[in-house]
Amino acid sequence: MGRQDLSEWIVGVDLSGPGSAQYTSVAVFREQGGGLQLTELLAGANDQAILDQVPAGAIVGLDAPLSYSATGGSRESDQALRRLAVGLNLPAGTVMAPSAPRMAYLTLRGVAVSRMLCMERPDARVVEVHPTVAMALRAAPVAALRAMKKDPAARQLLLAWLEAKGLAGAQDLGDASDHSVAACAAALAAWQWSQGKAAWSYPAQPPLHPFDFAC
């Protein structure tokens, strides 16, 4: 059976800005035996490639701001999650304001991709996620999270941790980038959210903030 059958598909997307799609990773999982089975990991995905990886009815976790504060700066959700991240011994910069100089283009793409998915996959469920905090909230090694971008050993440790959390196949991604690790963690956060088991969540406030934010 193909992607359009009735089984649950979970897609995690670690998004980058519109000028750096080579840093975007998409992890596609299928629910199986009470866990998730990795079916595909795509590194370097443009917007069309992301859409092509999302089956009808999928749960999609997007790691990017999907809205912004009308007054600039952080949204209430960002402020709440930042306090939580600091309490978990993560740097305050782990959660950045959508309009910050390093985030503005990512926010632009996050808004565009989320609306594209709503138009082209209207039966999909989209949620904003933060993979790093999602892992920290589930007791992933904070030292590995802090070192993930630069240390391959830290990434391997986190992939093994994700496998132990029910993401079968994650540990087989031997040369995964930090973006691919984050895409898998985005899928974990989206999966748990879809089951009502989010470790942290901030409800949607439409029309300005139309998606839940969950870890």
N, C-alpha and C. Protein backbone atom coordinates (compact mmCIF):
# COMPACT_ATOMS: atom_id res chain seq x y z
N MET A 1 0.85 -1.20 0.00
CA MET A 1 0.00 0.00 0.00
C MET A 1 0.88 1.24 0.00
N GLY A 2 0.42 2.30 -0.62
CA GLY A 2 1.23 3.49 -0.76
C GLY A 2 0.98 4.53 0.31
N ARG A 3 1.49 5.72 0.05
CA ARG A 3 1.40 6.80 1.01
C ARG A 3 -0.04 7.22 1.31
N GLN A 4 -0.99 6.88 0.46
CA GLN A 4 -2.35 7.39 0.63
C GLN A 4 -3.25 6.44 1.42
N ASP A 5 -2.67 5.38 2.06
CA ASP A 5 -3.52 4.51 2.85
C ASP A 5 -3.88 5.18 4.17
N LEU A 6 -4.61 4.44 5.02
CA LEU A 6 -5.19 5.05 6.20
C LEU A 6 -4.26 5.05 7.41
N SER A 7 -3.07 4.49 7.31
CA SER A 7 -2.16 4.49 8.45
C SER A 7 -1.62 5.90 8.68
N GLU A 8 -1.15 6.13 9.92
CA GLU A 8 -0.72 7.47 10.30
C GLU A 8 0.71 7.74 9.85
N TRP A 9 0.89 8.88 9.23
CA TRP A 9 2.21 9.34 8.82
C TRP A 9 2.58 10.55 9.66
N ILE A 10 3.82 10.57 10.12
CA ILE A 10 4.33 11.67 10.92
C ILE A 10 5.55 12.23 10.20
N VAL A 11 5.54 13.52 9.93
CA VAL A 11 6.63 14.16 9.19
C VAL A 11 7.24 15.26 10.05
N GLY A 12 8.54 15.19 10.26
CA GLY A 12 9.25 16.23 10.98
C GLY A 12 10.11 17.03 10.01
N VAL A 13 10.03 18.35 10.10
CA VAL A 13 10.76 19.22 9.18
C VAL A 13 11.60 20.21 9.98
N ASP A 14 12.91 20.13 9.80
CA ASP A 14 13.81 21.14 10.36
C ASP A 14 14.05 22.16 9.25
N LEU A 15 13.39 23.30 9.36
CA LEU A 15 13.36 24.27 8.28
C LEU A 15 14.54 25.23 8.40
N SER A 16 15.02 25.68 7.25
CA SER A 16 16.01 26.76 7.19
C SER A 16 15.41 27.90 6.40
N GLY A 17 16.12 29.00 6.31
CA GLY A 17 15.62 30.16 5.58
C GLY A 17 15.47 29.89 4.09
N PRO A 18 14.75 30.75 3.36
CA PRO A 18 14.48 30.50 1.95
C PRO A 18 15.71 30.51 1.06
N GLY A 19 16.81 31.12 1.51
CA GLY A 19 18.01 31.14 0.70
C GLY A 19 18.98 30.02 1.03
N SER A 20 18.60 29.13 1.93
CA SER A 20 19.52 28.07 2.38
C SER A 20 18.80 26.74 2.53
N ALA A 21 18.05 26.38 1.50
CA ALA A 21 17.27 25.14 1.57
C ALA A 21 18.15 23.91 1.76
N GLN A 22 19.44 24.03 1.45
CA GLN A 22 20.33 22.88 1.62
C GLN A 22 20.45 22.45 3.08
N TYR A 23 20.03 23.31 3.99
CA TYR A 23 20.08 22.98 5.41
C TYR A 23 18.73 22.51 5.96
N THR A 24 17.77 22.30 5.09
CA THR A 24 16.45 21.80 5.51
C THR A 24 16.43 20.29 5.42
N SER A 25 15.98 19.64 6.49
CA SER A 25 15.84 18.18 6.49
C SER A 25 14.40 17.80 6.77
N VAL A 26 13.96 16.74 6.12
CA VAL A 26 12.60 16.21 6.29
C VAL A 26 12.70 14.74 6.67
N ALA A 27 12.13 14.38 7.81
CA ALA A 27 12.11 12.99 8.27
C ALA A 27 10.68 12.48 8.21
N VAL A 28 10.46 11.41 7.47
CA VAL A 28 9.13 10.83 7.29
C VAL A 28 9.04 9.51 8.05
N PHE A 29 8.09 9.43 8.95
CA PHE A 29 7.88 8.23 9.76
C PHE A 29 6.46 7.71 9.56
N ARG A 30 6.31 6.42 9.80
CA ARG A 30 5.00 5.79 9.77
C ARG A 30 4.77 5.09 11.10
N GLU A 31 3.60 5.28 11.67
CA GLU A 31 3.27 4.60 12.93
C GLU A 31 3.27 3.09 12.71
N GLN A 32 3.90 2.39 13.67
CA GLN A 32 4.01 0.94 13.53
C GLN A 32 4.26 0.34 14.90
N GLY A 33 3.38 -0.54 15.35
CA GLY A 33 3.60 -1.25 16.59
C GLY A 33 3.76 -0.37 17.81
N GLY A 34 3.03 0.72 17.87
CA GLY A 34 3.12 1.61 19.01
C GLY A 34 4.28 2.58 18.96
N GLY A 35 5.04 2.56 17.88
CA GLY A 35 6.15 3.49 17.69
C GLY A 35 6.13 4.05 16.29
N LEU A 36 7.25 4.61 15.88
CA LEU A 36 7.38 5.15 14.54
C LEU A 36 8.51 4.44 13.80
N GLN A 37 8.32 4.23 12.52
CA GLN A 37 9.35 3.64 11.68
C GLN A 37 9.78 4.67 10.63
N LEU A 38 11.06 4.97 10.61
CA LEU A 38 11.58 5.91 9.63
C LEU A 38 11.49 5.30 8.24
N THR A 39 10.85 6.02 7.31
CA THR A 39 10.75 5.53 5.94
C THR A 39 11.59 6.34 4.97
N GLU A 40 11.88 7.59 5.32
CA GLU A 40 12.69 8.41 4.43
C GLU A 40 13.27 9.60 5.19
N LEU A 41 14.51 9.94 4.87
CA LEU A 41 15.15 11.15 5.39
C LEU A 41 15.68 11.92 4.20
N LEU A 42 15.15 13.10 3.98
CA LEU A 42 15.57 13.93 2.85
C LEU A 42 16.30 15.15 3.37
N ALA A 43 17.55 15.30 2.99
CA ALA A 43 18.35 16.46 3.37
C ALA A 43 18.44 17.40 2.17
N GLY A 44 18.28 18.70 2.42
CA GLY A 44 18.36 19.67 1.34
C GLY A 44 17.06 19.81 0.59
N ALA A 45 15.98 20.13 1.29
CA ALA A 45 14.64 20.14 0.69
C ALA A 45 14.15 21.56 0.44
N ASN A 46 13.77 21.84 -0.81
CA ASN A 46 13.09 23.10 -1.09
C ASN A 46 11.61 22.94 -0.77
N ASP A 47 10.81 23.99 -1.00
CA ASP A 47 9.41 23.95 -0.60
C ASP A 47 8.64 22.84 -1.32
N GLN A 48 8.88 22.67 -2.61
CA GLN A 48 8.18 21.63 -3.35
C GLN A 48 8.56 20.25 -2.83
N ALA A 49 9.82 20.06 -2.50
CA ALA A 49 10.27 18.77 -1.99
C ALA A 49 9.60 18.47 -0.64
N ILE A 50 9.44 19.50 0.19
CA ILE A 50 8.74 19.30 1.45
C ILE A 50 7.31 18.83 1.19
N LEU A 51 6.62 19.54 0.30
CA LEU A 51 5.24 19.18 -0.03
C LEU A 51 5.16 17.75 -0.54
N ASP A 52 6.11 17.36 -1.40
CA ASP A 52 6.10 16.01 -1.97
C ASP A 52 6.27 14.93 -0.90
N GLN A 53 6.89 15.28 0.22
CA GLN A 53 7.13 14.28 1.27
C GLN A 53 5.97 14.17 2.26
N VAL A 54 4.96 15.02 2.14
CA VAL A 54 3.85 15.03 3.10
C VAL A 54 2.65 14.28 2.51
N PRO A 55 2.35 13.09 3.02
CA PRO A 55 1.19 12.36 2.52
C PRO A 55 -0.12 13.01 2.98
N ALA A 56 -1.19 12.67 2.32
CA ALA A 56 -2.51 13.13 2.75
C ALA A 56 -2.77 12.67 4.18
N GLY A 57 -3.28 13.56 5.01
CA GLY A 57 -3.65 13.22 6.37
C GLY A 57 -2.50 13.13 7.35
N ALA A 58 -1.30 13.52 6.93
CA ALA A 58 -0.13 13.40 7.81
C ALA A 58 -0.18 14.40 8.96
N ILE A 59 0.55 14.08 10.02
CA ILE A 59 0.85 15.02 11.10
C ILE A 59 2.21 15.62 10.77
N VAL A 60 2.30 16.95 10.71
CA VAL A 60 3.53 17.61 10.29
C VAL A 60 4.03 18.54 11.39
N GLY A 61 5.23 18.29 11.88
CA GLY A 61 5.87 19.16 12.85
C GLY A 61 6.89 20.04 12.16
N LEU A 62 6.67 21.34 12.15
CA LEU A 62 7.58 22.29 11.50
C LEU A 62 8.42 23.01 12.55
N ASP A 63 9.73 22.88 12.42
CA ASP A 63 10.65 23.57 13.32
C ASP A 63 10.99 24.93 12.72
N ALA A 64 10.12 25.90 12.97
CA ALA A 64 10.29 27.28 12.51
C ALA A 64 9.12 28.07 13.08
N PRO A 65 9.30 29.36 13.31
CA PRO A 65 8.13 30.16 13.71
C PRO A 65 7.10 30.16 12.59
N LEU A 66 5.85 29.91 12.93
CA LEU A 66 4.77 29.90 11.94
C LEU A 66 3.88 31.12 12.06
N SER A 67 4.30 32.06 12.91
CA SER A 67 3.62 33.35 13.05
C SER A 67 4.61 34.29 13.71
N TYR A 68 4.22 35.53 13.91
CA TYR A 68 5.12 36.50 14.55
C TYR A 68 4.30 37.45 15.39
N SER A 69 4.97 38.16 16.27
CA SER A 69 4.29 39.13 17.12
C SER A 69 3.98 40.39 16.32
N ALA A 70 2.75 40.86 16.40
CA ALA A 70 2.36 42.07 15.67
C ALA A 70 3.14 43.30 16.13
N THR A 71 3.69 43.24 17.33
CA THR A 71 4.46 44.37 17.87
C THR A 71 5.96 44.14 17.77
N GLY A 72 6.37 43.05 17.12
CA GLY A 72 7.78 42.73 17.03
C GLY A 72 8.25 41.96 18.25
N GLY A 73 9.46 41.43 18.19
CA GLY A 73 10.00 40.70 19.31
C GLY A 73 9.38 39.33 19.48
N SER A 74 9.40 38.84 20.70
CA SER A 74 8.93 37.49 20.99
C SER A 74 7.42 37.44 21.15
N ARG A 75 6.85 36.33 20.73
CA ARG A 75 5.47 36.04 21.03
C ARG A 75 5.37 35.57 22.48
N GLU A 76 4.17 35.57 23.02
CA GLU A 76 3.99 35.05 24.38
C GLU A 76 4.47 33.61 24.47
N SER A 77 4.23 32.84 23.43
CA SER A 77 4.67 31.44 23.43
C SER A 77 6.19 31.33 23.48
N ASP A 78 6.88 32.20 22.75
CA ASP A 78 8.34 32.19 22.77
C ASP A 78 8.87 32.51 24.17
N GLN A 79 8.26 33.50 24.80
CA GLN A 79 8.69 33.88 26.14
C GLN A 79 8.52 32.73 27.13
N ALA A 80 7.39 32.05 27.05
CA ALA A 80 7.13 30.93 27.95
C ALA A 80 8.11 29.78 27.71
N LEU A 81 8.35 29.47 26.42
CA LEU A 81 9.25 28.37 26.11
C LEU A 81 10.70 28.72 26.45
N ARG A 82 11.08 29.97 26.27
CA ARG A 82 12.44 30.39 26.61
C ARG A 82 12.71 30.23 28.11
N ARG A 83 11.74 30.61 28.92
CA ARG A 83 11.90 30.42 30.37
C ARG A 83 12.08 28.94 30.71
N LEU A 84 11.32 28.12 30.03
CA LEU A 84 11.41 26.68 30.27
C LEU A 84 12.78 26.16 29.82
N ALA A 85 13.27 26.61 28.67
CA ALA A 85 14.56 26.17 28.15
C ALA A 85 15.70 26.54 29.11
N VAL A 86 15.67 27.75 29.61
CA VAL A 86 16.70 28.19 30.55
C VAL A 86 16.67 27.33 31.81
N GLY A 87 15.47 26.98 32.25
CA GLY A 87 15.34 26.11 33.41
C GLY A 87 15.87 24.72 33.19
N LEU A 88 16.00 24.33 31.92
CA LEU A 88 16.55 23.02 31.56
C LEU A 88 18.04 23.09 31.27
N ASN A 89 18.65 24.24 31.57
CA ASN A 89 20.08 24.46 31.38
C ASN A 89 20.47 24.62 29.90
N LEU A 90 19.52 25.06 29.09
CA LEU A 90 19.81 25.42 27.70
C LEU A 90 20.02 26.92 27.62
N PRO A 91 20.80 27.41 26.67
CA PRO A 91 21.01 28.86 26.52
C PRO A 91 19.70 29.58 26.20
N ALA A 92 19.58 30.81 26.66
CA ALA A 92 18.37 31.59 26.36
C ALA A 92 18.16 31.73 24.86
N GLY A 93 19.26 31.77 24.10
CA GLY A 93 19.17 31.90 22.65
C GLY A 93 18.65 30.66 21.95
N THR A 94 18.40 29.59 22.70
CA THR A 94 17.79 28.40 22.10
C THR A 94 16.43 28.73 21.50
N VAL A 95 15.71 29.66 22.13
CA VAL A 95 14.39 30.09 21.64
C VAL A 95 14.51 31.57 21.26
N MET A 96 14.49 31.86 19.97
CA MET A 96 14.70 33.23 19.49
C MET A 96 13.38 33.84 19.02
N ALA A 97 13.33 35.16 19.05
CA ALA A 97 12.14 35.88 18.58
C ALA A 97 12.01 35.71 17.06
N PRO A 98 10.81 35.53 16.54
CA PRO A 98 10.62 35.35 15.10
C PRO A 98 11.16 36.49 14.26
N SER A 99 11.18 37.71 14.82
CA SER A 99 11.64 38.87 14.05
C SER A 99 13.10 39.21 14.29
N ALA A 100 13.83 38.40 15.06
CA ALA A 100 15.25 38.65 15.29
C ALA A 100 16.00 38.56 13.96
N PRO A 101 17.10 39.31 13.83
CA PRO A 101 17.82 39.32 12.55
C PRO A 101 18.17 37.93 12.02
N ARG A 102 18.53 37.02 12.89
CA ARG A 102 18.90 35.68 12.44
C ARG A 102 17.68 34.80 12.18
N MET A 103 16.49 35.27 12.50
CA MET A 103 15.29 34.45 12.40
C MET A 103 14.28 34.94 11.36
N ALA A 104 14.39 36.19 10.93
CA ALA A 104 13.33 36.79 10.12
C ALA A 104 13.06 36.01 8.84
N TYR A 105 14.11 35.58 8.15
CA TYR A 105 13.89 34.86 6.90
C TYR A 105 13.37 33.45 7.15
N LEU A 106 13.79 32.84 8.26
CA LEU A 106 13.24 31.54 8.64
C LEU A 106 11.75 31.67 8.94
N THR A 107 11.38 32.73 9.64
CA THR A 107 9.96 32.96 9.93
C THR A 107 9.17 33.13 8.63
N LEU A 108 9.74 33.89 7.69
CA LEU A 108 9.08 34.09 6.40
C LEU A 108 8.82 32.74 5.72
N ARG A 109 9.81 31.88 5.73
CA ARG A 109 9.63 30.58 5.08
C ARG A 109 8.67 29.70 5.88
N GLY A 110 8.75 29.77 7.21
CA GLY A 110 7.84 28.98 8.03
C GLY A 110 6.39 29.33 7.77
N VAL A 111 6.11 30.63 7.69
CA VAL A 111 4.75 31.08 7.40
C VAL A 111 4.33 30.58 6.01
N ALA A 112 5.23 30.71 5.02
CA ALA A 112 4.88 30.31 3.65
C ALA A 112 4.66 28.80 3.55
N VAL A 113 5.54 28.01 4.13
CA VAL A 113 5.41 26.55 4.02
C VAL A 113 4.17 26.05 4.76
N SER A 114 3.90 26.59 5.93
CA SER A 114 2.72 26.14 6.67
C SER A 114 1.44 26.46 5.91
N ARG A 115 1.37 27.62 5.29
CA ARG A 115 0.17 27.96 4.52
C ARG A 115 0.08 27.13 3.24
N MET A 116 1.23 26.83 2.63
CA MET A 116 1.23 25.95 1.47
C MET A 116 0.66 24.58 1.83
N LEU A 117 1.08 24.05 2.97
CA LEU A 117 0.58 22.75 3.39
C LEU A 117 -0.92 22.80 3.66
N CYS A 118 -1.40 23.89 4.24
CA CYS A 118 -2.83 24.01 4.50
C CYS A 118 -3.63 24.03 3.20
N MET A 119 -3.07 24.63 2.17
CA MET A 119 -3.76 24.71 0.88
C MET A 119 -3.69 23.38 0.11
N GLU A 120 -2.50 22.78 0.08
CA GLU A 120 -2.28 21.61 -0.77
C GLU A 120 -2.53 20.28 -0.05
N ARG A 121 -2.47 20.29 1.27
CA ARG A 121 -2.76 19.08 2.07
C ARG A 121 -3.75 19.47 3.16
N PRO A 122 -4.99 19.82 2.77
CA PRO A 122 -5.95 20.38 3.73
C PRO A 122 -6.33 19.42 4.85
N ASP A 123 -6.10 18.12 4.66
CA ASP A 123 -6.42 17.17 5.73
C ASP A 123 -5.20 16.83 6.59
N ALA A 124 -4.07 17.45 6.32
CA ALA A 124 -2.91 17.29 7.19
C ALA A 124 -3.09 18.15 8.43
N ARG A 125 -2.39 17.82 9.50
CA ARG A 125 -2.42 18.60 10.74
C ARG A 125 -1.02 19.15 10.98
N VAL A 126 -0.90 20.46 11.04
CA VAL A 126 0.39 21.14 11.16
C VAL A 126 0.54 21.68 12.57
N VAL A 127 1.72 21.49 13.15
CA VAL A 127 2.02 22.02 14.47
C VAL A 127 3.43 22.60 14.44
N GLU A 128 3.61 23.74 15.09
CA GLU A 128 4.94 24.31 15.26
C GLU A 128 5.64 23.57 16.40
N VAL A 129 6.90 23.21 16.20
CA VAL A 129 7.62 22.46 17.22
C VAL A 129 9.00 23.08 17.45
N HIS A 130 9.60 22.71 18.57
CA HIS A 130 10.98 23.12 18.87
C HIS A 130 11.73 21.85 19.28
N PRO A 131 12.45 21.22 18.35
CA PRO A 131 13.05 19.91 18.62
C PRO A 131 14.00 19.87 19.81
N THR A 132 14.85 20.88 19.95
CA THR A 132 15.83 20.85 21.03
C THR A 132 15.15 20.83 22.39
N VAL A 133 14.20 21.72 22.58
CA VAL A 133 13.50 21.75 23.87
C VAL A 133 12.64 20.50 24.03
N ALA A 134 12.08 19.99 22.94
CA ALA A 134 11.29 18.76 23.02
C ALA A 134 12.14 17.61 23.54
N MET A 135 13.38 17.52 23.08
CA MET A 135 14.26 16.46 23.58
C MET A 135 14.65 16.72 25.03
N ALA A 136 14.98 17.96 25.36
CA ALA A 136 15.38 18.27 26.73
C ALA A 136 14.26 17.96 27.72
N LEU A 137 13.03 18.25 27.34
CA LEU A 137 11.90 18.00 28.23
C LEU A 137 11.68 16.52 28.50
N ARG A 138 12.23 15.68 27.62
CA ARG A 138 12.10 14.24 27.79
C ARG A 138 13.40 13.63 28.29
N ALA A 139 14.24 14.49 28.88
CA ALA A 139 15.46 14.06 29.57
C ALA A 139 16.57 13.58 28.64
N ALA A 140 16.62 14.11 27.42
CA ALA A 140 17.79 13.87 26.58
C ALA A 140 19.00 14.54 27.22
N PRO A 141 20.20 14.02 27.00
CA PRO A 141 21.40 14.61 27.61
C PRO A 141 21.61 16.05 27.16
N VAL A 142 21.55 16.97 28.08
CA VAL A 142 21.66 18.39 27.73
C VAL A 142 23.02 18.71 27.13
N ALA A 143 24.07 18.07 27.62
CA ALA A 143 25.41 18.31 27.05
C ALA A 143 25.43 17.94 25.57
N ALA A 144 24.77 16.86 25.21
CA ALA A 144 24.71 16.46 23.80
C ALA A 144 23.89 17.45 22.98
N LEU A 145 22.80 17.95 23.56
CA LEU A 145 21.99 18.95 22.86
C LEU A 145 22.79 20.22 22.59
N ARG A 146 23.58 20.64 23.56
CA ARG A 146 24.38 21.85 23.41
C ARG A 146 25.51 21.67 22.40
N ALA A 147 25.96 20.42 22.22
CA ALA A 147 27.09 20.13 21.33
C ALA A 147 26.65 19.62 19.96
N MET A 148 25.34 19.47 19.76
CA MET A 148 24.83 18.78 18.58
C MET A 148 25.31 19.37 17.26
N LYS A 149 25.40 20.68 17.16
CA LYS A 149 25.75 21.31 15.88
C LYS A 149 27.17 20.97 15.43
N LYS A 150 28.08 20.80 16.38
CA LYS A 150 29.49 20.64 16.02
C LYS A 150 30.06 19.25 16.26
N ASP A 151 29.40 18.43 17.05
CA ASP A 151 29.98 17.18 17.50
C ASP A 151 29.22 15.97 16.95
N PRO A 152 29.84 15.22 16.01
CA PRO A 152 29.16 14.03 15.47
C PRO A 152 28.81 13.01 16.55
N ALA A 153 29.67 12.89 17.58
CA ALA A 153 29.38 11.93 18.65
C ALA A 153 28.12 12.32 19.40
N ALA A 154 27.90 13.61 19.60
CA ALA A 154 26.69 14.08 20.26
C ALA A 154 25.46 13.75 19.42
N ARG A 155 25.58 13.90 18.11
CA ARG A 155 24.46 13.57 17.23
C ARG A 155 24.15 12.07 17.28
N GLN A 156 25.19 11.25 17.31
CA GLN A 156 24.96 9.80 17.40
C GLN A 156 24.28 9.42 18.71
N LEU A 157 24.69 10.08 19.78
CA LEU A 157 24.07 9.83 21.08
C LEU A 157 22.59 10.18 21.05
N LEU A 158 22.27 11.31 20.42
CA LEU A 158 20.87 11.75 20.36
C LEU A 158 20.04 10.87 19.43
N LEU A 159 20.64 10.38 18.35
CA LEU A 159 19.91 9.46 17.48
C LEU A 159 19.60 8.16 18.20
N ALA A 160 20.55 7.66 19.01
CA ALA A 160 20.28 6.47 19.81
C ALA A 160 19.19 6.75 20.83
N TRP A 161 19.20 7.94 21.40
CA TRP A 161 18.17 8.32 22.37
C TRP A 161 16.80 8.38 21.68
N LEU A 162 16.74 8.95 20.48
CA LEU A 162 15.48 9.01 19.73
C LEU A 162 14.97 7.60 19.40
N GLU A 163 15.88 6.72 19.04
CA GLU A 163 15.49 5.33 18.77
C GLU A 163 14.86 4.71 20.01
N ALA A 164 15.46 4.97 21.17
CA ALA A 164 14.92 4.43 22.42
C ALA A 164 13.56 5.03 22.76
N LYS A 165 13.26 6.20 22.22
CA LYS A 165 11.97 6.84 22.44
C LYS A 165 10.90 6.36 21.47
N GLY A 166 11.25 5.40 20.62
CA GLY A 166 10.25 4.81 19.73
C GLY A 166 10.40 5.16 18.27
N LEU A 167 11.48 5.86 17.89
CA LEU A 167 11.69 6.24 16.49
C LEU A 167 12.63 5.25 15.83
N ALA A 168 12.10 4.12 15.42
CA ALA A 168 12.90 3.06 14.82
C ALA A 168 13.54 3.55 13.52
N GLY A 169 14.81 3.26 13.38
CA GLY A 169 15.56 3.67 12.19
C GLY A 169 16.39 4.91 12.40
N ALA A 170 16.12 5.67 13.46
CA ALA A 170 16.89 6.90 13.68
C ALA A 170 18.36 6.60 13.90
N GLN A 171 18.65 5.55 14.61
CA GLN A 171 20.04 5.23 14.94
C GLN A 171 20.83 4.79 13.72
N ASP A 172 20.15 4.44 12.64
CA ASP A 172 20.83 4.01 11.42
C ASP A 172 21.36 5.19 10.59
N LEU A 173 21.00 6.42 10.98
CA LEU A 173 21.44 7.61 10.24
C LEU A 173 22.84 7.98 10.70
N GLY A 174 23.81 7.17 10.29
CA GLY A 174 25.15 7.29 10.83
C GLY A 174 25.85 8.61 10.62
N ASP A 175 25.64 9.24 9.47
CA ASP A 175 26.33 10.50 9.18
C ASP A 175 25.36 11.68 9.17
N ALA A 176 24.33 11.61 9.99
CA ALA A 176 23.29 12.63 9.99
C ALA A 176 23.83 13.98 10.44
N SER A 177 23.36 15.03 9.82
CA SER A 177 23.67 16.39 10.25
C SER A 177 22.81 16.74 11.46
N ASP A 178 23.13 17.86 12.10
CA ASP A 178 22.28 18.32 13.20
C ASP A 178 20.87 18.63 12.71
N HIS A 179 20.73 19.02 11.43
CA HIS A 179 19.41 19.32 10.87
C HIS A 179 18.57 18.04 10.76
N SER A 180 19.21 16.95 10.40
CA SER A 180 18.48 15.69 10.29
C SER A 180 18.10 15.15 11.66
N VAL A 181 18.98 15.31 12.64
CA VAL A 181 18.62 14.93 14.01
C VAL A 181 17.41 15.75 14.47
N ALA A 182 17.45 17.06 14.19
CA ALA A 182 16.34 17.93 14.58
C ALA A 182 15.05 17.55 13.86
N ALA A 183 15.14 17.13 12.60
CA ALA A 183 13.93 16.71 11.88
C ALA A 183 13.30 15.49 12.54
N CYS A 184 14.13 14.55 12.98
CA CYS A 184 13.60 13.38 13.69
C CYS A 184 12.95 13.80 15.00
N ALA A 185 13.60 14.70 15.72
CA ALA A 185 13.03 15.18 16.98
C ALA A 185 11.75 15.97 16.74
N ALA A 186 11.68 16.69 15.62
CA ALA A 186 10.44 17.39 15.27
C ALA A 186 9.30 16.40 15.06
N ALA A 187 9.61 15.26 14.45
CA ALA A 187 8.60 14.22 14.28
C ALA A 187 8.16 13.67 15.63
N LEU A 188 9.11 13.47 16.55
CA LEU A 188 8.76 12.99 17.88
C LEU A 188 7.80 13.96 18.57
N ALA A 189 8.11 15.26 18.51
CA ALA A 189 7.26 16.26 19.15
C ALA A 189 5.86 16.28 18.52
N ALA A 190 5.81 16.20 17.19
CA ALA A 190 4.51 16.22 16.50
C ALA A 190 3.69 14.98 16.82
N TRP A 191 4.35 13.84 16.87
CA TRP A 191 3.68 12.57 17.19
C TRP A 191 3.07 12.63 18.59
N GLN A 192 3.87 13.06 19.56
CA GLN A 192 3.37 13.14 20.92
C GLN A 192 2.22 14.16 21.04
N TRP A 193 2.34 15.27 20.35
CA TRP A 193 1.27 16.27 20.33
C TRP A 193 -0.01 15.67 19.75
N SER A 194 0.10 14.92 18.68
CA SER A 194 -1.09 14.35 18.03
C SER A 194 -1.80 13.36 18.93
N GLN A 195 -1.08 12.79 19.89
CA GLN A 195 -1.66 11.82 20.82
C GLN A 195 -2.08 12.46 22.13
N GLY A 196 -1.99 13.79 22.21
CA GLY A 196 -2.33 14.47 23.45
C GLY A 196 -1.31 14.29 24.54
N LYS A 197 -0.05 14.01 24.16
CA LYS A 197 1.01 13.73 25.13
C LYS A 197 2.17 14.73 25.02
N ALA A 198 1.90 15.91 24.54
CA ALA A 198 2.96 16.92 24.44
C ALA A 198 3.53 17.20 25.82
N ALA A 199 4.85 17.37 25.89
CA ALA A 199 5.49 17.73 27.17
C ALA A 199 5.26 19.20 27.50
N TRP A 200 4.99 20.01 26.49
CA TRP A 200 4.67 21.43 26.65
C TRP A 200 3.87 21.84 25.42
N SER A 201 2.88 22.67 25.60
CA SER A 201 2.15 23.15 24.43
C SER A 201 1.57 24.53 24.70
N TYR A 202 1.41 25.27 23.63
CA TYR A 202 0.80 26.60 23.68
C TYR A 202 -0.26 26.61 22.59
N PRO A 203 -1.51 26.77 22.95
CA PRO A 203 -2.58 26.60 21.97
C PRO A 203 -2.59 27.68 20.89
N ALA A 204 -3.11 27.31 19.75
CA ALA A 204 -3.28 28.26 18.65
C ALA A 204 -4.19 29.40 19.09
N GLN A 205 -3.93 30.58 18.54
CA GLN A 205 -4.76 31.75 18.78
C GLN A 205 -5.08 32.40 17.43
N PRO A 206 -5.96 31.77 16.65
CA PRO A 206 -6.27 32.30 15.32
C PRO A 206 -7.00 33.64 15.43
N PRO A 207 -6.87 34.47 14.39
CA PRO A 207 -6.24 34.16 13.11
C PRO A 207 -4.74 34.47 13.06
N LEU A 208 -4.22 35.21 14.03
CA LEU A 208 -2.82 35.63 13.93
C LEU A 208 -1.85 34.50 14.21
N HIS A 209 -2.24 33.59 15.09
CA HIS A 209 -1.37 32.45 15.45
C HIS A 209 -2.18 31.17 15.25
N PRO A 210 -2.27 30.69 14.00
CA PRO A 210 -3.25 29.65 13.68
C PRO A 210 -2.83 28.22 14.02
N PHE A 211 -1.61 28.02 14.56
CA PHE A 211 -1.14 26.66 14.82
C PHE A 211 -0.74 26.51 16.29
N ASP A 212 -1.01 25.34 16.84
CA ASP A 212 -0.46 25.01 18.16
C ASP A 212 1.06 25.03 18.07
N PHE A 213 1.69 25.31 19.21
CA PHE A 213 3.14 25.27 19.36
C PHE A 213 3.39 24.22 20.44
N ALA A 214 4.14 23.16 20.14
CA ALA A 214 4.25 22.07 21.09
C ALA A 214 5.64 21.46 21.09
N CYS A 215 5.99 20.88 22.21
CA CYS A 215 7.26 20.17 22.36
C CYS A 215 6.99 18.78 22.97
